[in-house]
Every structure is written in C-alpha cells, then in structure tokens.
Protein backbone atom coordinates (compact mmCIF):
# COMPACT_ATOMS: atom_id res chain seq x y z
CA MET A 1 0.00 0.00 0.00
CA GLU A 2 1.36 3.39 -0.97
CA ARG A 3 1.33 5.84 1.92
CA GLU A 4 2.05 9.51 1.99
CA GLN A 5 5.20 10.31 3.95
CA LEU A 6 5.90 13.46 5.89
CA SER A 7 9.08 14.37 7.78
CA VAL A 8 9.30 16.90 10.61
CA ASP A 9 11.86 17.65 13.28
CA VAL A 10 9.56 17.24 16.28
CA LEU A 11 6.29 15.30 16.38
CA PHE A 12 3.88 15.60 19.31
CA VAL A 13 1.21 12.89 19.70
CA GLY A 14 -1.85 14.32 21.44
CA ALA A 15 -2.99 17.93 21.80
CA GLY A 16 -3.38 18.03 25.56
CA PRO A 17 -1.86 20.57 27.95
CA ALA A 18 1.52 18.83 28.18
CA ASN A 19 2.21 18.71 24.43
CA LEU A 20 0.67 22.09 23.66
CA ALA A 21 2.79 23.73 26.35
CA ALA A 22 5.85 21.88 25.06
CA ALA A 23 5.27 23.02 21.49
CA TYR A 24 4.68 26.62 22.62
CA ARG A 25 7.82 26.71 24.74
CA LEU A 26 9.86 25.09 21.98
CA ALA A 27 8.64 27.45 19.25
CA LYS A 28 9.16 30.52 21.46
CA THR A 29 12.68 29.48 22.46
CA LEU A 30 13.75 28.74 18.90
CA GLU A 31 12.28 32.05 17.72
CA ALA A 32 14.22 33.92 20.41
CA GLN A 33 17.42 32.17 19.31
CA GLY A 34 16.81 32.87 15.62
CA ARG A 35 16.51 29.17 14.85
CA GLU A 36 13.83 27.16 13.07
CA ALA A 37 12.40 23.65 13.28
CA GLU A 38 9.46 21.81 11.74
CA ILE A 39 7.03 21.11 14.59
CA ALA A 40 3.82 19.08 14.19
CA ILE A 41 1.07 17.90 16.53
CA ILE A 42 -1.37 15.12 15.70
CA GLU A 43 -4.66 14.91 17.62
CA LYS A 44 -7.17 12.04 17.52
CA GLY A 45 -10.17 14.30 18.25
CA GLN A 46 -11.87 16.15 15.44
CA SER A 47 -10.97 19.42 17.17
CA VAL A 48 -8.39 20.27 19.82
CA GLY A 49 -10.22 20.18 23.16
CA ASP A 50 -12.88 17.65 22.15
CA HIS A 51 -11.26 14.84 24.15
CA ILE A 52 -9.97 16.96 27.03
CA LEU A 53 -11.65 16.40 30.41
CA SER A 54 -10.40 17.55 33.80
CA GLY A 55 -11.91 18.25 37.20
CA GLY A 56 -10.98 21.86 36.64
CA ILE A 57 -8.84 23.48 39.37
CA MET A 58 -5.48 24.72 38.13
CA ASP A 59 -2.45 25.69 40.16
CA PRO A 60 -1.11 28.65 38.10
CA ARG A 61 2.55 28.01 38.90
CA ALA A 62 3.35 26.41 35.54
CA VAL A 63 1.35 28.79 33.32
CA GLU A 64 3.01 31.74 35.03
CA GLU A 65 6.38 30.25 34.11
CA LEU A 66 5.17 29.64 30.55
CA PHE A 67 3.57 33.04 29.87
CA GLY A 68 4.87 35.34 32.60
CA PRO A 69 2.97 37.38 35.21
CA ASP A 70 0.28 38.42 32.72
CA TRP A 71 -0.70 34.81 32.00
CA ARG A 72 -4.39 35.54 32.59
CA ASP A 73 -4.37 37.56 29.38
CA GLU A 74 -3.19 34.47 27.49
CA ILE A 75 -5.63 31.69 28.47
CA PRO A 76 -9.28 31.60 29.62
CA VAL A 77 -10.22 30.95 33.27
CA ASP A 78 -13.57 30.96 35.06
CA GLY A 79 -12.11 32.69 38.11
CA PRO A 80 -10.10 32.22 41.29
CA VAL A 81 -10.99 29.87 44.12
CA ARG A 82 -12.62 32.06 46.80
CA GLY A 83 -13.54 29.56 49.50
CA GLU A 84 -13.34 25.83 50.14
CA SER A 85 -14.70 23.09 52.40
CA VAL A 86 -14.00 19.38 52.80
CA PHE A 87 -16.68 16.97 54.03
CA PHE A 88 -16.86 13.39 55.21
CA MET A 89 -20.17 12.00 54.03
CA THR A 90 -22.46 9.44 55.56
CA GLU A 91 -25.67 8.48 53.79
CA THR A 92 -27.49 11.45 55.28
CA LEU A 93 -24.84 13.79 56.73
CA ALA A 94 -22.02 15.94 55.32
CA ILE A 95 -19.65 16.43 58.24
CA PRO A 96 -17.19 19.29 57.61
CA PHE A 97 -13.52 18.73 58.35
CA PRO A 98 -12.40 21.19 61.05
CA ILE A 99 -9.51 22.22 58.79
CA VAL A 100 -8.86 21.75 55.10
CA PRO A 101 -6.07 19.14 54.66
CA PRO A 102 -2.85 20.80 53.40
CA THR A 103 -2.92 18.90 50.10
CA LEU A 104 -6.39 20.27 49.35
CA HIS A 105 -5.59 23.93 49.96
CA ASN A 106 -6.58 25.76 46.78
CA GLU A 107 -5.81 29.34 47.75
CA GLY A 108 -4.32 31.06 44.71
CA CYS A 109 -5.68 28.43 42.30
CA TYR A 110 -8.22 28.92 39.52
CA ILE A 111 -11.34 27.13 38.28
CA VAL A 112 -10.89 26.44 34.57
CA SER A 113 -12.18 24.52 31.59
CA LEU A 114 -9.11 22.65 30.38
CA SER A 115 -10.64 22.06 26.95
CA LYS A 116 -10.94 25.84 26.47
CA ILE A 117 -7.32 26.33 27.54
CA CYS A 118 -6.18 23.74 25.00
CA ALA A 119 -8.20 25.40 22.24
CA ALA A 120 -6.62 28.77 23.09
CA LEU A 121 -3.12 27.25 22.98
CA LYS A 122 -3.92 25.70 19.60
CA ASP A 123 -4.72 29.14 18.17
CA LYS A 124 -1.44 30.54 19.49
CA LEU A 125 0.57 27.67 18.03
CA GLU A 126 -0.99 27.91 14.58
CA ALA A 127 -0.19 31.63 14.55
CA MET A 128 3.43 30.67 15.28
CA GLY A 129 3.58 28.25 12.35
CA VAL A 130 3.20 24.97 14.24
CA MET A 131 1.36 22.37 12.14
CA ILE A 132 -1.66 20.94 14.03
CA CYS A 133 -3.37 17.95 12.43
CA GLU A 134 -6.81 17.48 13.97
CA GLY A 135 -8.68 14.22 13.38
CA PHE A 136 -5.41 12.33 12.82
CA PRO A 137 -5.30 9.41 15.29
CA GLY A 138 -1.91 7.77 15.72
CA LYS A 139 -2.28 4.07 14.85
CA GLU A 140 1.22 2.80 15.61
CA LEU A 141 4.76 3.92 16.26
CA LEU A 142 7.38 3.58 13.55
CA PHE A 143 10.69 2.02 14.58
CA ASP A 144 14.22 1.56 13.34
CA GLY A 145 15.20 -1.33 15.60
CA ASP A 146 14.13 -0.05 19.02
CA ARG A 147 14.49 3.58 18.04
CA VAL A 148 11.23 5.50 17.57
CA VAL A 149 11.32 7.31 14.23
CA GLY A 150 7.73 8.50 13.95
CA VAL A 151 4.07 7.53 13.82
CA ARG A 152 1.73 5.97 11.28
CA THR A 153 -1.69 7.57 11.43
CA MET A 154 -4.88 5.54 11.25
CA ASP A 155 -6.29 4.38 7.91
CA MET A 156 -9.60 6.14 7.25
CA GLY A 157 -12.69 4.81 5.50
CA LEU A 158 -12.51 1.16 6.59
CA ASP A 159 -15.69 -0.91 6.64
CA ARG A 160 -16.96 -3.05 9.54
CA ASN A 161 -14.59 -5.87 8.55
CA GLY A 162 -11.56 -3.59 8.45
CA GLN A 163 -11.44 -3.60 4.64
CA PRO A 164 -11.09 -0.46 2.51
CA GLY A 165 -14.45 1.13 1.78
CA PRO A 166 -15.46 3.65 -0.93
CA SER A 167 -13.89 6.56 0.97
CA PHE A 168 -10.73 4.70 1.98
CA GLN A 169 -7.65 6.80 2.64
CA PRO A 170 -4.45 5.17 3.90
CA GLY A 171 -2.76 6.67 6.93
CA THR A 172 0.33 8.83 6.65
CA ASP A 173 3.80 7.85 7.83
CA MET A 174 5.04 10.85 9.79
CA PHE A 175 8.76 10.67 10.49
CA ALA A 176 10.46 12.78 13.17
CA LYS A 177 13.81 13.19 14.86
CA VAL A 178 11.99 12.99 18.19
CA THR A 179 8.43 11.88 18.99
CA VAL A 180 6.81 13.20 22.18
CA LEU A 181 3.97 11.09 23.59
CA GLY A 182 1.49 13.20 25.53
CA GLU A 183 -1.62 11.13 24.88
CA GLY A 184 -3.09 11.55 28.33
CA THR A 185 -4.15 8.65 30.50
CA ARG A 186 -3.56 5.12 29.15
CA GLY A 187 -2.49 6.30 25.70
CA SER A 188 -2.50 3.46 23.18
CA LEU A 189 0.90 4.27 21.64
CA THR A 190 2.47 4.86 25.05
CA LYS A 191 1.11 1.54 26.29
CA SER A 192 2.58 -0.33 23.32
CA LEU A 193 5.96 1.43 23.69
CA VAL A 194 6.19 0.73 27.42
CA ASP A 195 5.41 -2.95 26.78
CA ARG A 196 7.85 -3.28 23.87
CA LEU A 197 10.83 -1.65 25.58
CA GLY A 198 10.11 -2.68 29.19
CA LEU A 199 9.76 0.92 30.39
CA ALA A 200 7.29 0.31 33.23
CA GLY A 201 8.08 1.91 36.57
CA PRO A 202 8.79 0.07 39.84
CA ASN A 203 5.05 0.09 40.62
CA PRO A 204 2.31 -0.67 38.11
CA GLN A 205 0.05 2.20 37.16
CA ILE A 206 -3.32 2.28 38.89
CA TYR A 207 -6.35 4.33 37.93
CA GLY A 208 -9.59 5.88 39.02
CA THR A 209 -12.56 6.56 36.78
CA GLY A 210 -13.91 10.08 37.05
CA ILE A 211 -17.47 11.02 36.09
CA LYS A 212 -18.02 14.74 35.55
CA GLU A 213 -21.20 16.76 35.01
CA ILE A 214 -21.86 20.45 34.35
CA TRP A 215 -25.10 21.78 35.84
CA ASP A 216 -27.00 25.03 35.63
CA ILE A 217 -28.62 25.70 39.02
CA PRO A 218 -30.82 28.42 40.55
CA ALA A 219 -28.93 31.45 41.84
CA GLY A 220 -28.18 31.86 45.54
CA ARG A 221 -26.94 28.35 46.35
CA VAL A 222 -23.23 28.90 45.72
CA TYR A 223 -20.95 31.84 45.09
CA PRO A 224 -18.43 32.02 42.23
CA GLY A 225 -15.17 30.28 43.17
CA GLN A 226 -16.68 28.14 45.93
CA VAL A 227 -15.13 24.67 46.21
CA TRP A 228 -16.28 21.48 47.97
CA HIS A 229 -14.50 18.16 48.23
CA SER A 230 -15.76 15.06 49.98
CA ALA A 231 -14.79 11.53 50.99
CA GLY A 232 -16.88 8.69 52.34
CA TRP A 233 -20.38 7.69 51.20
CA PRO A 234 -21.29 6.05 48.89
CA LEU A 235 -17.85 4.40 49.04
CA THR A 236 -16.86 1.90 51.71
CA ASN A 237 -13.60 1.71 53.68
CA ASP A 238 -12.22 -0.67 51.02
CA GLN A 239 -12.87 1.78 48.20
CA TYR A 240 -10.80 4.87 47.43
CA GLY A 241 -12.27 7.97 45.84
CA GLY A 242 -14.13 11.19 46.42
CA SER A 243 -16.13 14.04 44.95
CA TRP A 244 -15.92 17.69 44.02
CA MET A 245 -18.12 20.72 43.42
CA TYR A 246 -16.57 23.76 41.77
CA ALA A 247 -18.73 26.87 41.31
CA MET A 248 -17.85 28.23 37.87
CA SER A 249 -20.36 31.04 38.42
CA GLU A 250 -23.34 31.75 40.66
CA THR A 251 -25.53 29.56 38.44
CA ARG A 252 -23.15 27.00 36.89
CA VAL A 253 -21.25 24.25 38.73
CA SER A 254 -18.86 21.47 37.85
CA ILE A 255 -19.49 18.34 39.90
CA GLY A 256 -17.80 14.98 39.77
CA PHE A 257 -16.87 11.76 41.48
CA VAL A 258 -13.66 9.76 41.03
CA SER A 259 -13.72 6.08 42.01
CA ALA A 260 -10.59 3.92 42.17
CA LEU A 261 -10.58 0.74 40.12
CA ASP A 262 -8.74 -1.43 42.66
CA SER A 263 -11.58 -2.20 45.08
CA GLY A 264 -11.82 -5.80 43.89
CA ASP A 265 -15.62 -5.70 43.57
CA PRO A 266 -16.55 -7.00 40.08
CA THR A 267 -19.96 -5.30 40.33
CA PHE A 268 -18.57 -1.86 41.20
CA ASP A 269 -19.95 0.80 38.87
CA PRO A 270 -18.25 4.25 38.84
CA TYR A 271 -21.09 5.87 36.90
CA GLN A 272 -23.76 4.52 39.22
CA THR A 273 -21.69 5.62 42.23
CA MET A 274 -21.75 9.19 40.91
CA GLN A 275 -25.51 9.05 40.38
CA ARG A 276 -26.07 7.69 43.89
CA TRP A 277 -23.83 10.43 45.38
CA LYS A 278 -26.12 13.06 43.83
CA THR A 279 -29.01 11.77 45.96
CA HIS A 280 -27.21 12.84 49.16
CA PRO A 281 -29.22 15.64 50.81
CA LYS A 282 -26.39 18.17 50.42
CA ILE A 283 -25.89 17.51 46.72
CA LYS A 284 -29.57 17.05 45.95
CA GLY A 285 -30.29 20.38 47.63
CA LEU A 286 -27.66 22.01 45.43
CA LEU A 287 -28.97 20.58 42.14
CA GLU A 288 -32.76 20.42 42.58
CA GLY A 289 -34.54 22.65 40.11
CA GLY A 290 -31.40 22.81 37.96
CA SER A 291 -30.57 21.13 34.66
CA LEU A 292 -27.77 18.89 33.44
CA VAL A 293 -25.77 20.58 30.68
CA ARG A 294 -22.93 18.17 29.83
CA SER A 295 -21.33 15.02 31.18
CA GLY A 296 -18.23 12.92 30.57
CA ALA A 297 -15.90 10.25 31.90
CA LYS A 298 -12.18 9.51 31.88
CA THR A 299 -9.63 7.51 33.78
CA VAL A 300 -7.15 9.22 36.06
CA PRO A 301 -3.58 7.85 36.57
CA GLU A 302 -3.24 7.65 40.36
CA GLY A 303 0.01 5.74 40.84
CA GLY A 304 2.24 8.80 41.03
CA TYR A 305 6.01 8.93 41.41
CA TRP A 306 6.76 5.19 41.62
CA SER A 307 4.45 4.36 38.70
CA ARG A 308 6.25 6.63 36.23
CA PRO A 309 7.54 4.77 33.16
CA ARG A 310 11.06 5.55 32.00
CA SER A 311 10.13 8.63 30.04
CA PHE A 312 12.98 8.89 27.53
CA GLY A 313 14.71 6.68 25.01
CA ASP A 314 16.09 6.70 21.50
CA GLY A 315 13.88 9.13 19.61
CA PHE A 316 11.11 9.65 22.18
CA LEU A 317 9.87 11.34 25.35
CA ILE A 318 6.75 10.55 27.45
CA ILE A 319 5.14 13.46 29.32
CA GLY A 320 1.99 14.57 31.15
CA ASP A 321 -0.54 11.96 32.28
CA SER A 322 1.13 9.44 29.96
CA GLY A 323 4.17 9.79 32.21
CA SER A 324 2.19 9.39 35.50
CA LEU A 325 2.66 13.00 36.58
CA LEU A 326 -0.73 13.63 38.20
CA ASN A 327 -0.41 14.65 41.84
CA ILE A 328 -3.24 12.56 43.24
CA ALA A 329 -2.73 13.94 46.75
CA ARG A 330 -3.59 17.43 45.46
CA LEU A 331 -6.11 16.20 42.87
CA LYS A 332 -4.24 18.22 40.27
CA GLY A 333 -2.51 17.43 37.00
CA ILE A 334 -2.81 20.52 34.80
CA HIS A 335 0.20 22.32 36.26
CA THR A 336 2.27 19.12 36.32
CA ALA A 337 1.44 18.38 32.68
CA ILE A 338 2.37 21.91 31.57
CA LYS A 339 5.62 21.86 33.52
CA SER A 340 6.57 18.48 32.03
CA GLY A 341 5.96 19.95 28.58
CA MET A 342 8.29 22.86 29.36
CA LEU A 343 10.99 20.44 30.51
CA ALA A 344 10.54 18.40 27.33
CA ALA A 345 10.86 21.54 25.20
CA ASP A 346 14.07 22.60 26.95
CA THR A 347 15.46 19.11 26.40
CA ILE A 348 14.59 19.15 22.71
CA VAL A 349 16.17 22.58 22.19
CA ASP A 350 19.43 21.08 23.40
CA CYS A 351 19.01 18.00 21.16
CA LEU A 352 18.26 20.11 18.09
CA ALA A 353 21.40 22.17 18.64
CA LEU A 354 23.54 19.03 18.73
CA ASP A 355 21.43 17.01 16.25
CA ASP A 356 21.48 14.18 18.79
CA PHE A 357 18.22 12.47 19.72
CA GLY A 358 19.58 9.36 21.34
CA ALA A 359 18.57 8.15 24.78
CA GLY A 360 21.74 9.58 26.34
CA ARG A 361 20.94 13.12 25.23
CA LEU A 362 17.18 12.86 25.85
CA SER A 363 17.86 11.64 29.40
CA LEU A 364 18.38 15.34 30.16
CA TYR A 365 14.58 15.41 30.56
CA GLU A 366 14.76 13.04 33.53
CA SER A 367 17.61 14.98 35.13
CA MET A 368 15.71 18.26 34.82
CA PHE A 369 12.53 16.62 36.13
CA GLU A 370 14.25 15.37 39.28
CA GLN A 371 15.81 18.79 39.94
CA SER A 372 12.60 20.76 39.30
CA TRP A 373 9.77 21.71 41.62
CA LEU A 374 7.69 19.12 39.76
CA GLY A 375 9.99 16.28 40.82
CA GLU A 376 10.06 17.59 44.38
CA GLU A 377 6.25 17.88 44.51
CA LEU A 378 5.69 14.31 43.33
CA ARG A 379 8.41 12.85 45.57
CA LYS A 380 6.75 14.36 48.65
CA ASN A 381 3.62 12.32 47.92
CA ARG A 382 5.36 9.31 46.39
CA ASN A 383 3.48 6.70 48.46
CA PHE A 384 0.19 8.56 48.83
CA ARG A 385 -1.99 6.23 46.79
CA ALA A 386 -0.24 3.04 47.88
CA TYR A 387 -1.15 3.65 51.52
CA PHE A 388 -4.84 3.72 50.62
CA GLN A 389 -4.68 0.17 49.30
CA GLN A 390 -4.65 -0.71 53.01
CA GLY A 391 -8.08 0.92 53.49
CA PHE A 392 -9.38 4.47 53.76
CA TRP A 393 -8.69 5.05 57.47
CA ALA A 394 -5.25 3.39 57.51
CA GLY A 395 -4.29 5.29 54.35
CA GLY A 396 -5.43 8.58 55.84
CA LEU A 397 -3.41 7.99 59.01
CA LEU A 398 -0.19 7.02 57.20
CA ASN A 399 -0.47 9.91 54.78
CA GLY A 400 -1.17 12.32 57.62
CA ILE A 401 2.05 11.26 59.35
CA ALA A 402 4.01 11.54 56.09
CA MET A 403 2.63 15.03 55.42
CA LEU A 404 3.42 16.12 58.98
CA PHE A 405 7.09 15.47 58.24
CA GLY A 406 6.97 17.04 54.77
CA GLY A 407 7.63 13.77 52.96
CA ARG A 408 10.96 13.29 54.73
CA ILE A 409 9.97 9.92 56.22
CA PHE A 410 8.60 6.72 54.67
CA ARG A 411 10.96 7.26 51.73
CA ASP A 412 11.03 3.64 50.55
CA ARG A 413 8.66 2.56 47.82
CA VAL A 414 5.41 1.00 49.00
CA PRO A 415 4.37 -1.65 46.43
CA LEU A 416 1.10 -1.43 44.54
CA HIS A 417 -0.92 -4.11 42.79
CA ALA A 418 -2.48 -3.41 39.41
CA ASP A 419 -6.22 -2.75 39.27
CA CYS A 420 -6.93 -5.82 37.15
CA GLU A 421 -5.14 -8.03 39.71
CA ALA A 422 -7.43 -6.82 42.52
CA MET A 423 -10.62 -8.28 41.02
CA LYS A 424 -12.10 -10.93 43.28
CA PRO A 425 -14.13 -13.81 41.82
CA ALA A 426 -17.61 -13.45 43.27
CA HIS A 427 -21.28 -13.70 42.49
CA TRP A 428 -22.48 -10.63 44.32
CA GLY A 429 -25.26 -9.78 41.91
CA LYS A 430 -25.77 -6.53 40.06
CA GLU A 431 -28.37 -4.11 41.43
CA PRO A 432 -29.16 -1.45 38.84
CA MET A 433 -30.05 1.89 40.38
CA ALA A 434 -33.41 3.40 39.50
CA VAL A 435 -32.95 6.83 37.89
CA ASP A 436 -35.45 9.66 37.62
CA GLY A 437 -34.19 11.54 34.54
CA LYS A 438 -34.05 14.80 36.53
CA LEU A 439 -31.35 14.35 39.17
CA THR A 440 -30.03 10.93 38.22
CA PHE A 441 -29.55 9.50 34.72
CA ASP A 442 -28.81 6.24 32.94
CA LYS A 443 -25.60 5.63 31.06
CA VAL A 444 -27.09 6.13 27.60
CA THR A 445 -28.13 9.64 28.66
CA GLY A 446 -24.57 10.17 29.87
CA VAL A 447 -23.27 9.16 26.43
CA TYR A 448 -25.66 11.62 24.77
CA ASN A 449 -24.57 14.44 27.08
CA ALA A 450 -20.91 13.62 26.36
CA GLY A 451 -21.59 14.27 22.66
CA ALA A 452 -20.04 10.91 21.78
CA ILE A 453 -20.34 10.08 18.08
CA HIS A 454 -18.70 7.30 16.05
CA GLU A 455 -19.34 6.15 12.51
CA GLU A 456 -20.95 2.73 12.95
CA GLN A 457 -19.77 1.45 9.56
CA GLN A 458 -16.21 0.90 10.74
CA PRO A 459 -14.35 -1.79 12.66
CA SER A 460 -14.70 -1.62 16.43
CA HIS A 461 -11.85 0.24 18.06
CA LEU A 462 -12.41 -1.91 21.16
CA VAL A 463 -10.84 -5.29 20.59
CA ILE A 464 -11.42 -8.38 22.74
CA ALA A 465 -8.80 -11.06 22.13
CA ASP A 466 -11.17 -13.97 22.85
CA THR A 467 -14.89 -13.20 23.23
CA SER A 468 -15.67 -16.83 24.12
CA ILE A 469 -14.13 -16.19 27.55
CA CYS A 470 -16.73 -13.44 28.11
CA VAL A 471 -19.66 -15.86 28.07
CA THR A 472 -17.91 -18.75 29.80
CA ARG A 473 -15.06 -18.20 32.25
CA CYS A 474 -15.68 -14.48 32.93
CA ALA A 475 -19.41 -14.98 33.38
CA GLU A 476 -18.77 -17.81 35.84
CA GLU A 477 -15.92 -16.22 37.82
CA TYR A 478 -16.83 -12.53 37.86
CA GLY A 479 -20.32 -12.11 36.42
CA ASN A 480 -19.01 -9.97 33.52
CA PRO A 481 -17.67 -6.88 35.35
CA CYS A 482 -17.38 -4.95 32.06
CA GLU A 483 -21.15 -4.46 32.16
CA SER A 484 -20.64 -2.63 35.46
CA PHE A 485 -17.37 -0.72 35.19
CA CYS A 486 -17.92 0.75 31.71
CA PRO A 487 -19.62 4.17 32.17
CA ALA A 488 -21.05 4.13 28.63
CA ASP A 489 -22.85 0.76 28.29
CA VAL A 490 -20.37 -0.36 25.65
CA TYR A 491 -20.25 -4.00 26.76
CA GLU A 492 -23.40 -6.12 26.83
CA ILE A 493 -23.94 -9.85 27.16
CA ALA A 494 -26.71 -10.36 24.62
CA THR A 495 -28.88 -13.36 23.80
CA GLY A 496 -28.87 -14.52 20.18
CA ASP A 497 -31.75 -15.88 18.16
CA ASP A 498 -30.59 -19.39 19.06
CA GLY A 499 -30.74 -18.59 22.78
CA GLY A 500 -26.95 -18.56 23.11
CA LYS A 501 -25.01 -15.82 24.87
CA ARG A 502 -22.58 -13.53 23.06
CA MET A 503 -20.57 -10.41 23.79
CA GLN A 504 -21.99 -7.35 22.05
CA ILE A 505 -19.67 -4.33 21.80
CA ASN A 506 -21.60 -1.07 21.39
CA PHE A 507 -18.44 0.78 20.39
CA SER A 508 -20.34 3.83 19.11
CA ASN A 509 -21.16 4.62 22.78
CA CYS A 510 -17.48 4.85 23.76
CA VAL A 511 -16.41 8.06 25.51
CA HIS A 512 -12.70 7.13 25.37
CA CYS A 513 -12.29 6.82 29.14
CA LYS A 514 -10.17 3.60 28.84
CA THR A 515 -11.71 2.01 31.97
CA CYS A 516 -12.15 -1.29 30.11
CA ASP A 517 -8.49 -1.42 29.08
CA VAL A 518 -7.54 -0.96 32.74
CA ALA A 519 -10.02 -3.03 34.73
CA ASP A 520 -10.60 -6.13 32.59
CA PRO A 521 -9.40 -8.95 34.90
CA TYR A 522 -8.06 -11.03 31.99
CA GLN A 523 -6.55 -8.06 30.12
CA LEU A 524 -8.25 -9.25 26.93
CA ILE A 525 -9.69 -5.83 26.06
CA THR A 526 -7.50 -3.43 24.11
CA TRP A 527 -8.57 0.16 23.49
CA THR A 528 -7.33 1.49 20.16
CA VAL A 529 -8.06 4.69 18.25
CA PRO A 530 -11.15 4.64 16.00
CA THR A 531 -10.70 5.11 12.27
CA ASP A 532 -13.15 8.02 12.05
CA ALA A 533 -11.56 10.28 14.68
CA GLY A 534 -14.84 9.97 16.57
CA GLY A 535 -15.46 10.19 20.29
CA PRO A 536 -16.81 12.66 22.82
CA LYS A 537 -17.14 16.44 22.48
CA TYR A 538 -15.93 17.90 25.77
CA MET A 539 -15.37 21.49 24.67
CA GLY A 540 -16.35 23.78 27.51
CA MET A 541 -16.23 21.08 30.16
C-alpha cells in the first residue's frame, strides 16, 4: 500500500496541555534564538479540546512560568478559588472537616475549563507556524530497531470488517527526529511502547474513573469560586475515591466523582456511584430545580512517582498523564502536565542544537525533572496512593504522618498491585439503580450528554482477544464486570436468536475513558483509536 510520507523535526502525539505547552515553549525558544524547526502535533479528536476532560482546578505556577505574570491575558479561566470546604459524608450527613487538609488547599488556584485552555493554545501555536493535524489518530509507532522514528496515522474509510471502503484513505507515515507522547491517561501508543521496551516503573500504574457533570442551578446556592470536596459515602472503607463541586459562576457548577478501580468488587460501577452520590441531601439540595448541561468520563492515573515509566529513550519522550505525573494527593494534574511539557521543550532545544536524539541526550529530561519543583512535589507524595490500598482510614493515618514530616519519612517505595489483579471472583449480583431523569440519569443519557459520536460502519476500536471467555469463564468467575465498570454501556452480554449468549460491543457509545483497558481482569480488552476520529465532544467542560 502506498502511503504519503511526511518528515518533521519534532512530532507531538496528542494535543493536551503537556504537548501544547511543550510546542509553545519550543517554538518561542527557537524564535528567540533565531533558529527554526518543523514542529507538528497530531490529535485524535476532530478538534483540539474535544477529548480533554479535567476536574478543573489549576495551580497557576506552571502557566506563570510559561507566559509570565500576565498569564491571565493568554488563556481563559472561570475565576479564582474564593472559599473551600471538605466533608466526610455518611448516607445522610455531610460532616465538615475542622480544617482543610494541606494537600487540598486551593488558595491562589483557579477554576478552569481545560478544553478551552487547550483550544486557546492551539490558536497561538498555529499563529506561530506549528502544524496541528486534527482528526489524525496515531495508529502505531514507527521504529528503526528499538528507536522511535515517527508515527503511522490511522487508515480512514474502513468498513466493519476492516477492509477499505469507498472513501478509503491510507494513513500517513510521519517521520520525526523525536516523537513526544502526551496522549493523556492510558495512551494506546504509550502503552505499546512501554510494553515493547520494558519501560514500566517500579510500581504498576493504577487508575480511578472520574465522572463529571456540568449543571446550571438556581442562583443563591453557591458563590463564584466556591469549592467542595468530599470523601466517604457512597464508598466503603475498602474503596478509594471522592467528589468535588466547583462553582464556575453563581448559576453553573462542575461536579464529579472519582472512584478507584482497585476495590476488587466486580460489580462496582463508577457511573452509578456518581448518580447515587447526587441523591445525598447536600448535593440534591444544590442541584434540585437545575438542569444537566454536559457530562463525561475519563480515567485518572493515580500511581504517582513510583508508577512513572522511563520517560525517555532513543527518539522519544513521554510526558503529562502518559508519564504518570498527576499529583493525586492534590487532585491536580494541569500544572504538572504543563511543567513536564516545558521540561521536554528545553530538552529538545538542546538535542536540536547538537542534532542528537539518542537516549543519552534525551535523558536530560529526567535529570531536569528530578531537579525541578515538579519532581520535588511528586516525591513528597510518592506513596500517597499506595497507603490507601490498606483501606481508607489506615491510608489517611499514614499519609497524615508523612505530610506532617513534609515527605521526609517513609521514603522507601510502597508496592502497589495493578487494578486488574485486585478483582475478586464473586457472584455478588448486580443491582441497577433506578434513575429519575431529573437528578439521576442512565448511562445512555450520559453518552448523549458527552456528545459521543462514532461512525458505525467501521471496525470496532475496542478489541477483545477472545470473546468466548466473556460468556464462559468471565461470566462464571466474575459475572461480567465490564457491564458494570464501563460508564457508557459499551459492553453487553446479549442473547442470540438461538438462545446462546454472546458479547456485544456497542463501540459507538465509547467516551474514550479507557476504563475497560484498565479493569478487565483477563486483560483481553484493548482500546485502540477509531478510524473516524470519533469520540466525545468535551469542549467547555
């Protein structure tokens, strides 16, 4: 098959905050030095920002470094945090913490829509001559031995059987001196690279699934910049997670719930947990009489410092959420992603000057990371998430002691087990929650409000290696947990005309959260990019 070929100096995979900040810093630095380089970004979404979802509080430290003291003139924000509370919830009570834990202090931070920030950065980059290719999913990495030399983009116009259809267009081979992977959480190319080269960190990565909703509510219930966080109900002591409420204005709020995927319960349902949380008197009182505007879901990389893959090698760097740089203790990853992009840009400037993109030269990224405030911030909380695998109360106690000493004790790595390894064989029975369509909603409504669209006449981008296991071994051992953990009703055990059971994959529902790729106990499910650049539309969330 003849493919178009394109060569650039630097290729960024994914138009999230890490890569956009990296491209901006790189272009600005080269311009100041009177040098030039061909810089390209490929993005799987149809528009930059479509696939970007974040809770939405940003520490401005990194953007101030990137843009200077007038950074608020450069990117959109909803406004500063003006007050915050933390609650422990029982089924009927919201008990306020007497003090806000240090990791949850948000003074000086801002409520933002990350998708809007990414769209604004895209406009800046295009004005600077950076090539941004929207709707170009990266299918696979290109190698010369074990050296990454670029990316092949996805073939377009394939039919359901994966064969060329009437509108077939082969993907492009994009070659680069260095390829920067900033695909966000559980990126498909990053996953394949880590597996191929054995780059995994000392601990496996673990994840939570976050469900987010934007609501319009009657005035007078919150004030702009008000922030709530909570722990407790509807989670048990064996389950890690919590909620947020961020007041974007007096009448619009961002709410969400993040549930860890390592509880071991095969019937655990992150989407249903979020819906149940909204029935709590405090949350119900906030939302009643309001209307749901948008919703979405994504996984969150919670492993932290010890789960970072080796983030450099011959011809590549891994940054942002792909590099496990979320600070789960602070519930923040925007500033860490942007800082990692700046470090990557500074590394690449050095490599371009010497025309050396080998692992030895690109290891400068790791050295700068360890010496930066980003490395220091993540090291302080290096065992935060691991402690909570011992239970909520034990984890809170151990982390409290560690924070009291500023991260100077408990330095040794605390091991983690992968989410898929936690699943316990059980027949606990699924209990679907009744929804009312006003406060609580079913998953199909969630898909609609995420704006998820895929062309149905294409091969499924969700691949199960052996579907016979779904209706035999998995059904017997776990009761098909994919029907519970998927927030978009993608996986369904259906009954055929002959009365037999089969796995039905409703891939057009997919909101690209990657929960299935993470939580499948047999690791038979592989999330890949769709051929139509489809998916959710999260702009403004």
